[in-house]
Amino acid sequence: MANQSRTNSNTGISGPGEIARLTCAGGGYSIFAGIVKSNYANNVYTVRMVEILAEGQTPVEIGREMKATNLAEDFTQQGQLAAGKYVMVCSTGGRNVFYAEP
């Protein structure tokens, strides 16, 4: 697949076609960049999808908040990951998961 260029409607910046969500045909999962908003319970966090813009620009939050499980932390302990950390989230089987060490 060729790298396609597109213009961001919010910034007017044209660049490589970086889309926040990648879906694999027939794979049943998607991967997207996200930001941790808060700890929900144990190793489950509230996250929100972000769009990666041009170099040097802060990613823009898009979409709605969702729950995601951090596989790097114990399932029975309170999570220690700080809000504001950027993560790659994999959505599969109705669950969102990521791996990030505190």
PDB file of N, CA and C in Angstrom:
ATOM      1  N   MET A   1       0.850  -1.179   0.000  1.00  0.00           N
ATOM      2  CA  MET A   1       0.000   0.000   0.000  1.00  0.00           C
ATOM      3  C   MET A   1       0.890   1.234   0.000  1.00  0.00           C
ATOM      4  N   ALA A   2       0.634   2.164  -0.860  1.00  0.00           N
ATOM      5  CA  ALA A   2       1.427   3.382  -0.983  1.00  0.00           C
ATOM      6  C   ALA A   2       1.117   4.325   0.167  1.00  0.00           C
ATOM      7  N   ASN A   3       2.135   5.086   0.593  1.00  0.00           N
ATOM      8  CA  ASN A   3       1.944   6.085   1.635  1.00  0.00           C
ATOM      9  C   ASN A   3       1.198   7.260   1.016  1.00  0.00           C
ATOM     10  N   GLN A   4       0.009   7.523   1.487  1.00  0.00           N
ATOM     11  CA  GLN A   4      -0.818   8.571   0.921  1.00  0.00           C
ATOM     12  C   GLN A   4      -0.709   9.834   1.760  1.00  0.00           C
ATOM     13  N   SER A   5      -0.753  10.984   1.105  1.00  0.00           N
ATOM     14  CA  SER A   5      -0.700  12.253   1.797  1.00  0.00           C
ATOM     15  C   SER A   5      -2.122  12.783   1.933  1.00  0.00           C
ATOM     16  N   ARG A   6      -2.394  13.434   3.067  1.00  0.00           N
ATOM     17  CA  ARG A   6      -3.704  14.027   3.266  1.00  0.00           C
ATOM     18  C   ARG A   6      -3.544  15.320   4.035  1.00  0.00           C
ATOM     19  N   THR A   7      -4.544  16.174   3.971  1.00  0.00           N
ATOM     20  CA  THR A   7      -4.516  17.449   4.678  1.00  0.00           C
ATOM     21  C   THR A   7      -5.405  17.346   5.897  1.00  0.00           C
ATOM     22  N   ASN A   8      -4.872  17.704   7.054  1.00  0.00           N
ATOM     23  CA  ASN A   8      -5.625  17.694   8.295  1.00  0.00           C
ATOM     24  C   ASN A   8      -6.602  18.862   8.269  1.00  0.00           C
ATOM     25  N   SER A   9      -7.886  18.590   8.438  1.00  0.00           N
ATOM     26  CA  SER A   9      -8.902  19.646   8.354  1.00  0.00           C
ATOM     27  C   SER A   9      -8.812  20.634   9.510  1.00  0.00           C
ATOM     28  N   ASN A  10      -8.240  20.214  10.652  1.00  0.00           N
ATOM     29  CA  ASN A  10      -8.120  21.120  11.791  1.00  0.00           C
ATOM     30  C   ASN A  10      -6.947  22.077  11.653  1.00  0.00           C
ATOM     31  N   THR A  11      -5.845  21.611  11.044  1.00  0.00           N
ATOM     32  CA  THR A  11      -4.636  22.423  11.004  1.00  0.00           C
ATOM     33  C   THR A  11      -4.280  22.906   9.618  1.00  0.00           C
ATOM     34  N   GLY A  12      -4.823  22.265   8.566  1.00  0.00           N
ATOM     35  CA  GLY A  12      -4.473  22.614   7.205  1.00  0.00           C
ATOM     36  C   GLY A  12      -3.113  22.094   6.791  1.00  0.00           C
ATOM     37  N   ILE A  13      -2.491  21.281   7.650  1.00  0.00           N
ATOM     38  CA  ILE A  13      -1.168  20.744   7.370  1.00  0.00           C
ATOM     39  C   ILE A  13      -1.304  19.483   6.535  1.00  0.00           C
ATOM     40  N   SER A  14      -0.528  19.396   5.464  1.00  0.00           N
ATOM     41  CA  SER A  14      -0.537  18.220   4.618  1.00  0.00           C
ATOM     42  C   SER A  14       0.658  17.361   4.984  1.00  0.00           C
ATOM     43  N   GLY A  15       0.464  16.072   5.085  1.00  0.00           N
ATOM     44  CA  GLY A  15       1.551  15.172   5.443  1.00  0.00           C
ATOM     45  C   GLY A  15       1.179  13.747   5.146  1.00  0.00           C
ATOM     46  N   PRO A  16       2.028  12.816   5.601  1.00  0.00           N
ATOM     47  CA  PRO A  16       1.714  11.411   5.367  1.00  0.00           C
ATOM     48  C   PRO A  16       0.379  11.057   6.005  1.00  0.00           C
ATOM     49  N   GLY A  17      -0.305  10.104   5.437  1.00  0.00           N
ATOM     50  CA  GLY A  17      -1.645   9.742   5.898  1.00  0.00           C
ATOM     51  C   GLY A  17      -1.652   9.031   7.228  1.00  0.00           C
ATOM     52  N   GLU A  18      -1.321   9.742   8.296  1.00  0.00           N
ATOM     53  CA  GLU A  18      -1.331   9.141   9.621  1.00  0.00           C
ATOM     54  C   GLU A  18      -2.741   9.208  10.185  1.00  0.00           C
ATOM     55  N   ILE A  19      -3.371   8.076  10.284  1.00  0.00           N
ATOM     56  CA  ILE A  19      -4.723   7.972  10.820  1.00  0.00           C
ATOM     57  C   ILE A  19      -4.619   7.360  12.211  1.00  0.00           C
ATOM     58  N   ALA A  20      -5.464   7.780  13.127  1.00  0.00           N
ATOM     59  CA  ALA A  20      -5.377   7.338  14.506  1.00  0.00           C
ATOM     60  C   ALA A  20      -5.745   5.866  14.685  1.00  0.00           C
ATOM     61  N   ARG A  21      -6.482   5.291  13.768  1.00  0.00           N
ATOM     62  CA  ARG A  21      -6.921   3.904  13.933  1.00  0.00           C
ATOM     63  C   ARG A  21      -6.536   3.095  12.706  1.00  0.00           C
ATOM     64  N   LEU A  22      -5.970   1.926  12.958  1.00  0.00           N
ATOM     65  CA  LEU A  22      -5.578   1.003  11.901  1.00  0.00           C
ATOM     66  C   LEU A  22      -6.386  -0.276  12.085  1.00  0.00           C
ATOM     67  N   THR A  23      -7.088  -0.697  11.062  1.00  0.00           N
ATOM     68  CA  THR A  23      -7.890  -1.906  11.146  1.00  0.00           C
ATOM     69  C   THR A  23      -7.375  -2.922  10.145  1.00  0.00           C
ATOM     70  N   CYS A  24      -7.178  -4.143  10.593  1.00  0.00           N
ATOM     71  CA  CYS A  24      -6.722  -5.207   9.708  1.00  0.00           C
ATOM     72  C   CYS A  24      -7.930  -5.956   9.167  1.00  0.00           C
ATOM     73  N   ALA A  25      -7.999  -6.044   7.859  1.00  0.00           N
ATOM     74  CA  ALA A  25      -9.120  -6.741   7.227  1.00  0.00           C
ATOM     75  C   ALA A  25      -9.135  -8.192   7.667  1.00  0.00           C
ATOM     76  N   GLY A  26     -10.252  -8.635   8.170  1.00  0.00           N
ATOM     77  CA  GLY A  26     -10.407 -10.019   8.588  1.00  0.00           C
ATOM     78  C   GLY A  26      -9.725 -10.350   9.893  1.00  0.00           C
ATOM     79  N   GLY A  27      -8.966  -9.413  10.446  1.00  0.00           N
ATOM     80  CA  GLY A  27      -8.219  -9.673  11.666  1.00  0.00           C
ATOM     81  C   GLY A  27      -9.035  -9.502  12.923  1.00  0.00           C
ATOM     82  N   GLY A  28     -10.061  -8.699  12.867  1.00  0.00           N
ATOM     83  CA  GLY A  28     -10.913  -8.506  14.025  1.00  0.00           C
ATOM     84  C   GLY A  28     -10.301  -7.651  15.114  1.00  0.00           C
ATOM     85  N   TYR A  29      -9.284  -6.861  14.794  1.00  0.00           N
ATOM     86  CA  TYR A  29      -8.717  -5.974  15.795  1.00  0.00           C
ATOM     87  C   TYR A  29      -8.273  -4.667  15.142  1.00  0.00           C
ATOM     88  N   SER A  30      -8.089  -3.655  15.983  1.00  0.00           N
ATOM     89  CA  SER A  30      -7.574  -2.382  15.500  1.00  0.00           C
ATOM     90  C   SER A  30      -6.581  -1.852  16.515  1.00  0.00           C
ATOM     91  N   ILE A  31      -5.667  -1.021  16.054  1.00  0.00           N
ATOM     92  CA  ILE A  31      -4.643  -0.431  16.908  1.00  0.00           C
ATOM     93  C   ILE A  31      -4.696   1.080  16.712  1.00  0.00           C
ATOM     94  N   PHE A  32      -4.624   1.808  17.818  1.00  0.00           N
ATOM     95  CA  PHE A  32      -4.657   3.263  17.714  1.00  0.00           C
ATOM     96  C   PHE A  32      -3.830   3.906  18.817  1.00  0.00           C
ATOM     97  N   ALA A  33      -3.384   5.127  18.572  1.00  0.00           N
ATOM     98  CA  ALA A  33      -2.667   5.898  19.578  1.00  0.00           C
ATOM     99  C   ALA A  33      -3.681   6.474  20.556  1.00  0.00           C
ATOM    100  N   GLY A  34      -3.334   6.463  21.829  1.00  0.00           N
ATOM    101  CA  GLY A  34      -4.242   6.986  22.837  1.00  0.00           C
ATOM    102  C   GLY A  34      -3.484   7.675  23.958  1.00  0.00           C
ATOM    103  N   ILE A  35      -4.233   8.335  24.814  1.00  0.00           N
ATOM    104  CA  ILE A  35      -3.662   8.985  25.989  1.00  0.00           C
ATOM    105  C   ILE A  35      -4.427   8.493  27.211  1.00  0.00           C
ATOM    106  N   VAL A  36      -3.694   8.212  28.293  1.00  0.00           N
ATOM    107  CA  VAL A  36      -4.314   7.785  29.545  1.00  0.00           C
ATOM    108  C   VAL A  36      -4.912   9.011  30.215  1.00  0.00           C
ATOM    109  N   LYS A  37      -6.203   8.937  30.531  1.00  0.00           N
ATOM    110  CA  LYS A  37      -6.899  10.044  31.182  1.00  0.00           C
ATOM    111  C   LYS A  37      -6.939   9.860  32.705  1.00  0.00           C
ATOM    112  N   SER A  38      -7.196   8.624  33.156  1.00  0.00           N
ATOM    113  CA  SER A  38      -7.262   8.372  34.596  1.00  0.00           C
ATOM    114  C   SER A  38      -7.288   6.864  34.848  1.00  0.00           C
ATOM    115  N   ASN A  39      -7.053   6.508  36.108  1.00  0.00           N
ATOM    116  CA  ASN A  39      -7.171   5.104  36.516  1.00  0.00           C
ATOM    117  C   ASN A  39      -8.626   4.838  36.851  1.00  0.00           C
ATOM    118  N   TYR A  40      -9.178   3.757  36.315  1.00  0.00           N
ATOM    119  CA  TYR A  40     -10.576   3.403  36.564  1.00  0.00           C
ATOM    120  C   TYR A  40     -10.674   2.455  37.754  1.00  0.00           C
ATOM    121  N   ALA A  41      -9.980   1.336  37.674  1.00  0.00           N
ATOM    122  CA  ALA A  41      -9.949   0.347  38.760  1.00  0.00           C
ATOM    123  C   ALA A  41      -8.832  -0.641  38.471  1.00  0.00           C
ATOM    124  N   ASN A  42      -8.051  -0.981  39.499  1.00  0.00           N
ATOM    125  CA  ASN A  42      -6.931  -1.916  39.353  1.00  0.00           C
ATOM    126  C   ASN A  42      -6.065  -1.515  38.164  1.00  0.00           C
ATOM    127  N   ASN A  43      -5.904  -2.402  37.183  1.00  0.00           N
ATOM    128  CA  ASN A  43      -5.067  -2.084  36.017  1.00  0.00           C
ATOM    129  C   ASN A  43      -5.899  -1.653  34.805  1.00  0.00           C
ATOM    130  N   VAL A  44      -7.094  -1.166  35.046  1.00  0.00           N
ATOM    131  CA  VAL A  44      -7.976  -0.666  33.983  1.00  0.00           C
ATOM    132  C   VAL A  44      -7.977   0.861  34.037  1.00  0.00           C
ATOM    133  N   TYR A  45      -7.803   1.468  32.873  1.00  0.00           N
ATOM    134  CA  TYR A  45      -7.690   2.912  32.767  1.00  0.00           C
ATOM    135  C   TYR A  45      -8.729   3.469  31.806  1.00  0.00           C
ATOM    136  N   THR A  46      -9.034   4.747  31.990  1.00  0.00           N
ATOM    137  CA  THR A  46      -9.831   5.473  31.015  1.00  0.00           C
ATOM    138  C   THR A  46      -8.838   6.090  30.039  1.00  0.00           C
ATOM    139  N   VAL A  47      -9.017   5.795  28.741  1.00  0.00           N
ATOM    140  CA  VAL A  47      -8.127   6.317  27.703  1.00  0.00           C
ATOM    141  C   VAL A  47      -8.957   7.001  26.629  1.00  0.00           C
ATOM    142  N   ARG A  48      -8.283   7.789  25.822  1.00  0.00           N
ATOM    143  CA  ARG A  48      -8.951   8.469  24.709  1.00  0.00           C
ATOM    144  C   ARG A  48      -8.033   8.433  23.499  1.00  0.00           C
ATOM    145  N   MET A  49      -8.593   8.219  22.334  1.00  0.00           N
ATOM    146  CA  MET A  49      -7.834   8.167  21.100  1.00  0.00           C
ATOM    147  C   MET A  49      -7.243   9.543  20.804  1.00  0.00           C
ATOM    148  N   VAL A  50      -6.030   9.562  20.197  1.00  0.00           N
ATOM    149  CA  VAL A  50      -5.413  10.811  19.775  1.00  0.00           C
ATOM    150  C   VAL A  50      -5.023  10.718  18.309  1.00  0.00           C
ATOM    151  N   GLU A  51      -4.973  11.874  17.670  1.00  0.00           N
ATOM    152  CA  GLU A  51      -4.498  11.958  16.290  1.00  0.00           C
ATOM    153  C   GLU A  51      -3.107  12.569  16.320  1.00  0.00           C
ATOM    154  N   ILE A  52      -2.150  11.889  15.688  1.00  0.00           N
ATOM    155  CA  ILE A  52      -0.777  12.370  15.614  1.00  0.00           C
ATOM    156  C   ILE A  52      -0.689  13.394  14.480  1.00  0.00           C
ATOM    157  N   LEU A  53      -0.203  14.584  14.807  1.00  0.00           N
ATOM    158  CA  LEU A  53      -0.099  15.662  13.825  1.00  0.00           C
ATOM    159  C   LEU A  53       1.341  15.776  13.331  1.00  0.00           C
ATOM    160  N   ALA A  54       1.712  16.925  12.852  1.00  0.00           N
ATOM    161  CA  ALA A  54       3.067  17.157  12.336  1.00  0.00           C
ATOM    162  C   ALA A  54       4.085  17.122  13.478  1.00  0.00           C
ATOM    163  N   GLU A  55       5.357  16.952  13.118  1.00  0.00           N
ATOM    164  CA  GLU A  55       6.427  16.924  14.105  1.00  0.00           C
ATOM    165  C   GLU A  55       6.377  18.168  14.979  1.00  0.00           C
ATOM    166  N   GLY A  56       6.579  17.978  16.266  1.00  0.00           N
ATOM    167  CA  GLY A  56       6.614  19.106  17.189  1.00  0.00           C
ATOM    168  C   GLY A  56       5.260  19.574  17.684  1.00  0.00           C
ATOM    169  N   GLN A  57       4.184  18.987  17.180  1.00  0.00           N
ATOM    170  CA  GLN A  57       2.844  19.375  17.624  1.00  0.00           C
ATOM    171  C   GLN A  57       2.281  18.321  18.573  1.00  0.00           C
ATOM    172  N   THR A  58       1.598  18.794  19.599  1.00  0.00           N
ATOM    173  CA  THR A  58       0.976  17.895  20.563  1.00  0.00           C
ATOM    174  C   THR A  58      -0.179  17.158  19.901  1.00  0.00           C
ATOM    175  N   PRO A  59      -0.274  15.834  20.107  1.00  0.00           N
ATOM    176  CA  PRO A  59      -1.415  15.089  19.543  1.00  0.00           C
ATOM    177  C   PRO A  59      -2.749  15.661  20.020  1.00  0.00           C
ATOM    178  N   VAL A  60      -3.768  15.533  19.179  1.00  0.00           N
ATOM    179  CA  VAL A  60      -5.101  16.059  19.466  1.00  0.00           C
ATOM    180  C   VAL A  60      -6.013  14.903  19.881  1.00  0.00           C
ATOM    181  N   GLU A  61      -6.705  15.084  21.007  1.00  0.00           N
ATOM    182  CA  GLU A  61      -7.647  14.067  21.471  1.00  0.00           C
ATOM    183  C   GLU A  61      -8.874  14.068  20.566  1.00  0.00           C
ATOM    184  N   ILE A  62      -9.314  12.867  20.184  1.00  0.00           N
ATOM    185  CA  ILE A  62     -10.505  12.719  19.349  1.00  0.00           C
ATOM    186  C   ILE A  62     -11.356  11.586  19.911  1.00  0.00           C
ATOM    187  N   GLY A  63     -12.598  11.537  19.498  1.00  0.00           N
ATOM    188  CA  GLY A  63     -13.473  10.450  19.936  1.00  0.00           C
ATOM    189  C   GLY A  63     -13.869  10.582  21.390  1.00  0.00           C
ATOM    190  N   ARG A  64     -14.397   9.492  21.908  1.00  0.00           N
ATOM    191  CA  ARG A  64     -14.858   9.499  23.303  1.00  0.00           C
ATOM    192  C   ARG A  64     -13.935   8.633  24.157  1.00  0.00           C
ATOM    193  N   GLU A  65     -14.023   8.823  25.460  1.00  0.00           N
ATOM    194  CA  GLU A  65     -13.213   8.042  26.387  1.00  0.00           C
ATOM    195  C   GLU A  65     -13.697   6.592  26.417  1.00  0.00           C
ATOM    196  N   MET A  66     -12.766   5.681  26.695  1.00  0.00           N
ATOM    197  CA  MET A  66     -13.088   4.253  26.768  1.00  0.00           C
ATOM    198  C   MET A  66     -12.220   3.607  27.833  1.00  0.00           C
ATOM    199  N   LYS A  67     -12.565   2.429  28.249  1.00  0.00           N
ATOM    200  CA  LYS A  67     -11.783   1.678  29.223  1.00  0.00           C
ATOM    201  C   LYS A  67     -10.779   0.796  28.490  1.00  0.00           C
ATOM    202  N   ALA A  68      -9.562   0.679  29.059  1.00  0.00           N
ATOM    203  CA  ALA A  68      -8.528  -0.183  28.490  1.00  0.00           C
ATOM    204  C   ALA A  68      -7.708  -0.778  29.629  1.00  0.00           C
ATOM    205  N   THR A  69      -7.306  -2.026  29.471  1.00  0.00           N
ATOM    206  CA  THR A  69      -6.545  -2.752  30.484  1.00  0.00           C
ATOM    207  C   THR A  69      -5.057  -2.686  30.176  1.00  0.00           C
ATOM    208  N   ASN A  70      -4.259  -2.328  31.192  1.00  0.00           N
ATOM    209  CA  ASN A  70      -2.805  -2.289  31.047  1.00  0.00           C
ATOM    210  C   ASN A  70      -2.242  -3.664  31.411  1.00  0.00           C
ATOM    211  N   LEU A  71      -1.722  -4.372  30.419  1.00  0.00           N
ATOM    212  CA  LEU A  71      -1.208  -5.721  30.627  1.00  0.00           C
ATOM    213  C   LEU A  71       0.122  -5.743  31.365  1.00  0.00           C
ATOM    214  N   ALA A  72       0.768  -4.596  31.543  1.00  0.00           N
ATOM    215  CA  ALA A  72       2.049  -4.530  32.242  1.00  0.00           C
ATOM    216  C   ALA A  72       1.877  -4.515  33.762  1.00  0.00           C
ATOM    217  N   GLU A  73       0.654  -4.346  34.232  1.00  0.00           N
ATOM    218  CA  GLU A  73       0.412  -4.253  35.673  1.00  0.00           C
ATOM    219  C   GLU A  73      -0.395  -5.443  36.178  1.00  0.00           C
ATOM    220  N   ASP A  74      -0.249  -5.692  37.468  1.00  0.00           N
ATOM    221  CA  ASP A  74      -0.958  -6.782  38.133  1.00  0.00           C
ATOM    222  C   ASP A  74      -2.472  -6.540  38.064  1.00  0.00           C
ATOM    223  N   PHE A  75      -3.221  -7.577  37.751  1.00  0.00           N
ATOM    224  CA  PHE A  75      -4.675  -7.469  37.623  1.00  0.00           C
ATOM    225  C   PHE A  75      -5.367  -7.272  38.969  1.00  0.00           C
ATOM    226  N   THR A  76      -4.695  -7.594  40.069  1.00  0.00           N
ATOM    227  CA  THR A  76      -5.323  -7.525  41.385  1.00  0.00           C
ATOM    228  C   THR A  76      -4.894  -6.311  42.200  1.00  0.00           C
ATOM    229  N   GLN A  77      -3.974  -5.488  41.677  1.00  0.00           N
ATOM    230  CA  GLN A  77      -3.461  -4.328  42.400  1.00  0.00           C
ATOM    231  C   GLN A  77      -3.925  -3.030  41.746  1.00  0.00           C
ATOM    232  N   GLN A  78      -3.909  -1.963  42.529  1.00  0.00           N
ATOM    233  CA  GLN A  78      -4.244  -0.640  42.000  1.00  0.00           C
ATOM    234  C   GLN A  78      -3.177  -0.218  40.994  1.00  0.00           C
ATOM    235  N   GLY A  79      -3.604   0.283  39.842  1.00  0.00           N
ATOM    236  CA  GLY A  79      -2.674   0.722  38.810  1.00  0.00           C
ATOM    237  C   GLY A  79      -1.887   1.952  39.217  1.00  0.00           C
ATOM    238  N   GLN A  80      -0.657   2.069  38.691  1.00  0.00           N
ATOM    239  CA  GLN A  80       0.235   3.163  39.051  1.00  0.00           C
ATOM    240  C   GLN A  80       0.597   4.062  37.867  1.00  0.00           C
ATOM    241  N   LEU A  81      -0.013   3.838  36.713  1.00  0.00           N
ATOM    242  CA  LEU A  81       0.321   4.597  35.508  1.00  0.00           C
ATOM    243  C   LEU A  81      -0.221   6.024  35.613  1.00  0.00           C
ATOM    244  N   ALA A  82       0.626   7.003  35.302  1.00  0.00           N
ATOM    245  CA  ALA A  82       0.231   8.407  35.425  1.00  0.00           C
ATOM    246  C   ALA A  82      -0.664   8.842  34.260  1.00  0.00           C
ATOM    247  N   ALA A  83      -1.626   9.689  34.570  1.00  0.00           N
ATOM    248  CA  ALA A  83      -2.463  10.288  33.521  1.00  0.00           C
ATOM    249  C   ALA A  83      -1.566  11.124  32.611  1.00  0.00           C
ATOM    250  N   GLY A  84      -1.923  11.173  31.323  1.00  0.00           N
ATOM    251  CA  GLY A  84      -1.154  11.951  30.362  1.00  0.00           C
ATOM    252  C   GLY A  84      -0.152  11.139  29.574  1.00  0.00           C
ATOM    253  N   LYS A  85       0.036   9.874  29.920  1.00  0.00           N
ATOM    254  CA  LYS A  85       0.979   9.019  29.198  1.00  0.00           C
ATOM    255  C   LYS A  85       0.343   8.573  27.882  1.00  0.00           C
ATOM    256  N   TYR A  86       1.122   8.642  26.803  1.00  0.00           N
ATOM    257  CA  TYR A  86       0.647   8.188  25.496  1.00  0.00           C
ATOM    258  C   TYR A  86       0.917   6.703  25.355  1.00  0.00           C
ATOM    259  N   VAL A  87      -0.058   5.973  24.801  1.00  0.00           N
ATOM    260  CA  VAL A  87       0.041   4.516  24.659  1.00  0.00           C
ATOM    261  C   VAL A  87      -0.517   4.089  23.304  1.00  0.00           C
ATOM    262  N   MET A  88      -0.141   2.895  22.877  1.00  0.00           N
ATOM    263  CA  MET A  88      -0.743   2.261  21.698  1.00  0.00           C
ATOM    264  C   MET A  88      -1.759   1.254  22.232  1.00  0.00           C
ATOM    265  N   VAL A  89      -3.000   1.411  21.840  1.00  0.00           N
ATOM    266  CA  VAL A  89      -4.089   0.569  22.331  1.00  0.00           C
ATOM    267  C   VAL A  89      -4.500  -0.398  21.230  1.00  0.00           C
ATOM    268  N   CYS A  90      -4.669  -1.660  21.607  1.00  0.00           N
ATOM    269  CA  CYS A  90      -5.168  -2.677  20.688  1.00  0.00           C
ATOM    270  C   CYS A  90      -6.586  -3.030  21.123  1.00  0.00           C
ATOM    271  N   SER A  91      -7.513  -2.928  20.199  1.00  0.00           N
ATOM    272  CA  SER A  91      -8.906  -3.249  20.468  1.00  0.00           C
ATOM    273  C   SER A  91      -9.217  -4.578  19.798  1.00  0.00           C
ATOM    274  N   THR A  92      -9.560  -5.577  20.608  1.00  0.00           N
ATOM    275  CA  THR A  92      -9.831  -6.894  20.071  1.00  0.00           C
ATOM    276  C   THR A  92     -10.857  -7.629  20.921  1.00  0.00           C
ATOM    277  N   GLY A  93     -11.759  -8.323  20.292  1.00  0.00           N
ATOM    278  CA  GLY A  93     -12.754  -9.110  21.024  1.00  0.00           C
ATOM    279  C   GLY A  93     -13.582  -8.302  21.998  1.00  0.00           C
ATOM    280  N   GLY A  94     -13.847  -7.046  21.680  1.00  0.00           N
ATOM    281  CA  GLY A  94     -14.653  -6.219  22.570  1.00  0.00           C
ATOM    282  C   GLY A  94     -13.876  -5.642  23.737  1.00  0.00           C
ATOM    283  N   ARG A  95     -12.565  -5.871  23.787  1.00  0.00           N
ATOM    284  CA  ARG A  95     -11.712  -5.356  24.861  1.00  0.00           C
ATOM    285  C   ARG A  95     -10.616  -4.469  24.290  1.00  0.00           C
ATOM    286  N   ASN A  96     -10.238  -3.466  25.062  1.00  0.00           N
ATOM    287  CA  ASN A  96      -9.113  -2.605  24.712  1.00  0.00           C
ATOM    288  C   ASN A  96      -7.978  -2.923  25.674  1.00  0.00           C
ATOM    289  N   VAL A  97      -6.783  -3.169  25.136  1.00  0.00           N
ATOM    290  CA  VAL A  97      -5.629  -3.480  25.968  1.00  0.00           C
ATOM    291  C   VAL A  97      -4.427  -2.684  25.489  1.00  0.00           C
ATOM    292  N   PHE A  98      -3.485  -2.438  26.404  1.00  0.00           N
ATOM    293  CA  PHE A  98      -2.213  -1.810  26.054  1.00  0.00           C
ATOM    294  C   PHE A  98      -1.162  -2.306  27.032  1.00  0.00           C
ATOM    295  N   TYR A  99       0.105  -2.042  26.743  1.00  0.00           N
ATOM    296  CA  TYR A  99       1.198  -2.440  27.609  1.00  0.00           C
ATOM    297  C   TYR A  99       2.062  -1.221  27.853  1.00  0.00           C
ATOM    298  N   ALA A 100       2.062  -0.721  29.091  1.00  0.00           N
ATOM    299  CA  ALA A 100       2.888   0.433  29.447  1.00  0.00           C
ATOM    300  C   ALA A 100       3.311   0.290  30.908  1.00  0.00           C
ATOM    301  N   GLU A 101       4.622   0.337  31.137  1.00  0.00           N
ATOM    302  CA  GLU A 101       5.123   0.251  32.510  1.00  0.00           C
ATOM    303  C   GLU A 101       5.069   1.630  33.150  1.00  0.00           C
ATOM    304  N   PRO A 102       4.660   1.670  34.426  1.00  0.00           N
ATOM    305  CA  PRO A 102       4.562   2.962  35.140  1.00  0.00           C
ATOM    306  C   PRO A 102       5.927   3.615  35.311  1.00  0.00           C
TER     307      PRO A 102
END
